[in-house]
Amino acid sequence: MSEANVNNRKYEIELSEDSIFTGKIDSDNFSFSIKSQNKNNYIIEKDGIEYDLDIIDLNENTKTIEILVNGKYFKTNLRDQYDKLIHNLGYGRKNDSESRYIKAPMPGLVLDILIKKNDPIKEGQHLLVLEAMKMENIIKSNSVGKIKNVNISKNDTVDKDEILIELE
């Protein structure tokens, strides 16, 4: 199940093995089919109406997508079942880019550190690998900057909201 919020409406899509897909718009169930597809263009049919969907940009690092639906532009963040699980458990990443800190979104074990002091970083860049709930989680940058300080080492155990990295 994938989720997106567009124009104050919540869309959930369940992918299936056949050509019929199901989902919800807010709390209303719906189904649709994909009639044809090219690399970034899809013809979707819902309730007998065809929609031309063009993918302009899909950024897997920031989980954002920009699309045109019948020529109308939309940009949104995408959430999959793992993002929803982390959010529902109260471990949603709440890093404050103005404070310039990267904090642990959940308690865990630092498996790998992919940056070092004084490294320049870009938004969405992988910074470290944190094992939590028996899963490896890649912690990414939420802004552009430079590493001021790395407060953790490989194999450290960290608590939720612990400051891992400081940015300049």
Protein backbone atom coordinates (compact mmCIF):
# COMPACT_ATOMS: atom_id res chain seq x y z
CA MET A 1 0.00 0.00 0.00
CA SER A 2 1.40 3.42 -0.99
CA GLU A 3 0.06 6.73 0.23
CA ALA A 4 0.13 10.32 -1.03
CA ASN A 5 -1.54 13.52 0.09
CA VAL A 6 -2.55 15.89 -2.71
CA ASN A 7 -4.64 19.06 -2.35
CA ASN A 8 -5.69 18.10 1.20
CA ARG A 9 -6.93 14.68 0.04
CA LYS A 10 -5.39 11.39 1.11
CA TYR A 11 -4.81 8.78 -1.63
CA GLU A 12 -3.91 5.16 -0.88
CA ILE A 13 -3.08 2.71 -3.69
CA GLU A 14 -2.83 -1.08 -3.40
CA LEU A 15 -0.92 -2.71 -6.25
CA SER A 16 -2.10 -6.10 -7.44
CA GLU A 17 -0.98 -8.88 -9.75
CA ASP A 18 -3.78 -8.29 -12.27
CA SER A 19 -4.66 -5.14 -14.18
CA ILE A 20 -7.14 -3.83 -11.57
CA PHE A 21 -5.80 -1.66 -8.77
CA THR A 22 -7.67 -0.59 -5.65
CA GLY A 23 -7.33 2.29 -3.28
CA LYS A 24 -8.98 4.98 -1.24
CA ILE A 25 -9.48 8.68 -1.73
CA ASP A 26 -9.94 9.98 1.79
CA SER A 27 -12.16 7.15 3.10
CA ASP A 28 -13.93 6.30 -0.20
CA ASN A 29 -12.89 3.05 -1.93
CA PHE A 30 -12.19 3.08 -5.68
CA SER A 31 -10.65 0.90 -8.38
CA PHE A 32 -8.83 1.75 -11.59
CA SER A 33 -6.95 0.05 -14.38
CA ILE A 34 -3.90 0.97 -16.40
CA LYS A 35 -4.83 0.78 -20.08
CA SER A 36 -1.40 1.52 -21.52
CA GLN A 37 1.97 2.61 -20.31
CA ASN A 38 5.18 3.93 -21.70
CA LYS A 39 8.29 4.81 -19.68
CA ASN A 40 6.79 7.88 -17.97
CA ASN A 41 3.29 8.05 -19.44
CA TYR A 42 0.22 6.08 -18.37
CA ILE A 43 -3.39 6.00 -19.49
CA ILE A 44 -5.50 5.20 -16.42
CA GLU A 45 -9.20 4.36 -16.48
CA LYS A 46 -11.42 5.02 -13.45
CA ASP A 47 -15.22 4.87 -13.58
CA GLY A 48 -15.14 4.81 -17.40
CA ILE A 49 -13.06 8.00 -17.62
CA GLU A 50 -9.51 7.97 -19.00
CA TYR A 51 -6.78 10.06 -17.41
CA ASP A 52 -3.43 10.86 -19.00
CA LEU A 53 -0.73 10.64 -16.32
CA ASP A 54 2.82 11.84 -17.04
CA ILE A 55 5.60 11.36 -14.51
CA ILE A 56 7.80 14.46 -14.61
CA ASP A 57 10.16 13.51 -11.79
CA LEU A 58 10.38 10.71 -9.24
CA ASN A 59 12.99 11.23 -6.52
CA GLU A 60 13.47 8.00 -4.59
CA ASN A 61 15.82 9.63 -2.05
CA THR A 62 13.31 12.24 -0.90
CA LYS A 63 10.27 10.10 -1.86
CA THR A 64 8.73 12.90 -3.89
CA ILE A 65 6.94 12.67 -7.23
CA GLU A 66 5.93 15.34 -9.73
CA ILE A 67 3.17 14.40 -12.18
CA LEU A 68 0.79 15.85 -14.73
CA VAL A 69 -2.76 14.44 -14.74
CA ASN A 70 -4.60 15.61 -17.86
CA GLY A 71 -2.14 18.52 -17.97
CA LYS A 72 -2.63 19.55 -14.32
CA TYR A 73 0.57 19.65 -12.23
CA PHE A 74 0.89 17.88 -8.85
CA LYS A 75 3.86 17.37 -6.52
CA THR A 76 3.63 15.20 -3.43
CA ASN A 77 5.54 13.03 -0.99
CA LEU A 78 5.02 9.27 -1.15
CA ARG A 79 4.85 6.97 1.85
CA ASP A 80 5.06 3.19 1.74
CA GLN A 81 4.07 0.67 4.41
CA TYR A 82 7.42 1.05 6.21
CA ASP A 83 7.08 4.84 6.44
CA LYS A 84 3.56 4.38 7.81
CA LEU A 85 4.77 1.79 10.36
CA ILE A 86 7.55 4.07 11.63
CA HIS A 87 5.08 6.97 11.84
CA ASN A 88 2.46 4.87 13.65
CA LEU A 89 5.07 3.70 16.17
CA GLY A 90 5.89 7.33 16.92
CA TYR A 91 9.34 7.18 15.41
CA GLY A 92 8.70 9.57 12.52
CA ARG A 93 11.75 11.57 11.58
CA LYS A 94 11.32 15.04 13.01
CA ASN A 95 14.74 16.48 12.26
CA ASP A 96 14.60 20.26 12.42
CA SER A 97 16.66 21.58 9.49
CA GLU A 98 16.94 24.99 11.20
CA SER A 99 18.59 23.43 14.25
CA ARG A 100 21.09 21.79 11.93
CA TYR A 101 21.10 18.50 13.78
CA ILE A 102 20.51 14.97 12.48
CA LYS A 103 18.82 13.06 15.29
CA ALA A 104 18.12 9.36 15.69
CA PRO A 105 14.53 8.74 14.54
CA MET A 106 14.42 5.62 16.74
CA PRO A 107 16.69 3.74 19.14
CA GLY A 108 19.16 1.44 17.43
CA LEU A 109 22.69 0.30 16.66
CA VAL A 110 24.97 2.28 14.31
CA LEU A 111 26.10 -0.21 11.65
CA ASP A 112 27.95 2.16 9.33
CA ILE A 113 28.82 5.86 9.04
CA LEU A 114 28.99 7.05 5.44
CA ILE A 115 30.32 10.60 6.03
CA LYS A 116 33.02 12.33 8.06
CA LYS A 117 33.68 15.77 9.55
CA ASN A 118 33.90 18.59 6.96
CA ASP A 119 32.21 16.55 4.18
CA PRO A 120 29.77 18.55 2.06
CA ILE A 121 26.34 16.90 1.87
CA LYS A 122 23.24 17.29 -0.27
CA GLU A 123 19.57 16.71 0.49
CA GLY A 124 18.68 13.03 0.45
CA GLN A 125 22.30 11.89 0.79
CA HIS A 126 22.86 8.70 2.80
CA LEU A 127 24.63 9.56 6.06
CA LEU A 128 24.60 6.40 8.16
CA VAL A 129 23.01 2.99 8.60
CA LEU A 130 21.05 2.39 11.80
CA GLU A 131 19.75 -1.05 12.78
CA ALA A 132 16.42 -0.87 14.59
CA MET A 133 13.64 -3.43 15.05
CA LYS A 134 15.84 -5.97 13.20
CA MET A 135 15.82 -3.76 10.09
CA GLU A 136 18.61 -1.70 8.54
CA ASN A 137 17.52 1.94 8.15
CA ILE A 138 19.44 4.43 6.04
CA ILE A 139 19.45 7.85 7.69
CA LYS A 140 19.50 10.56 5.04
CA SER A 141 20.22 14.27 5.04
CA ASN A 142 17.19 16.52 5.06
CA SER A 143 19.13 19.56 3.81
CA VAL A 144 22.25 20.78 2.04
CA GLY A 145 25.24 21.62 4.20
CA LYS A 146 28.58 20.58 5.59
CA ILE A 147 29.31 18.10 8.39
CA LYS A 148 30.38 20.03 11.48
CA ASN A 149 30.67 17.07 13.83
CA VAL A 150 29.90 13.34 13.93
CA ASN A 151 28.87 12.48 17.49
CA ILE A 152 28.68 8.71 17.09
CA SER A 153 30.94 5.83 16.09
CA LYS A 154 30.32 2.54 14.37
CA ASN A 155 28.69 -0.04 16.74
CA ASP A 156 27.37 2.69 19.10
CA THR A 157 23.89 2.17 20.55
CA VAL A 158 21.78 5.33 20.24
CA ASP A 159 18.50 6.52 21.76
CA LYS A 160 15.57 8.13 19.97
CA ASP A 161 16.22 11.86 19.33
CA GLU A 162 19.92 11.53 20.22
CA ILE A 163 22.00 13.99 18.17
CA LEU A 164 24.03 11.91 15.74
CA ILE A 165 25.45 14.55 13.39
CA GLU A 166 25.80 18.32 13.55
CA LEU A 167 25.71 20.42 10.38
CA GLU A 168 27.28 23.83 9.73
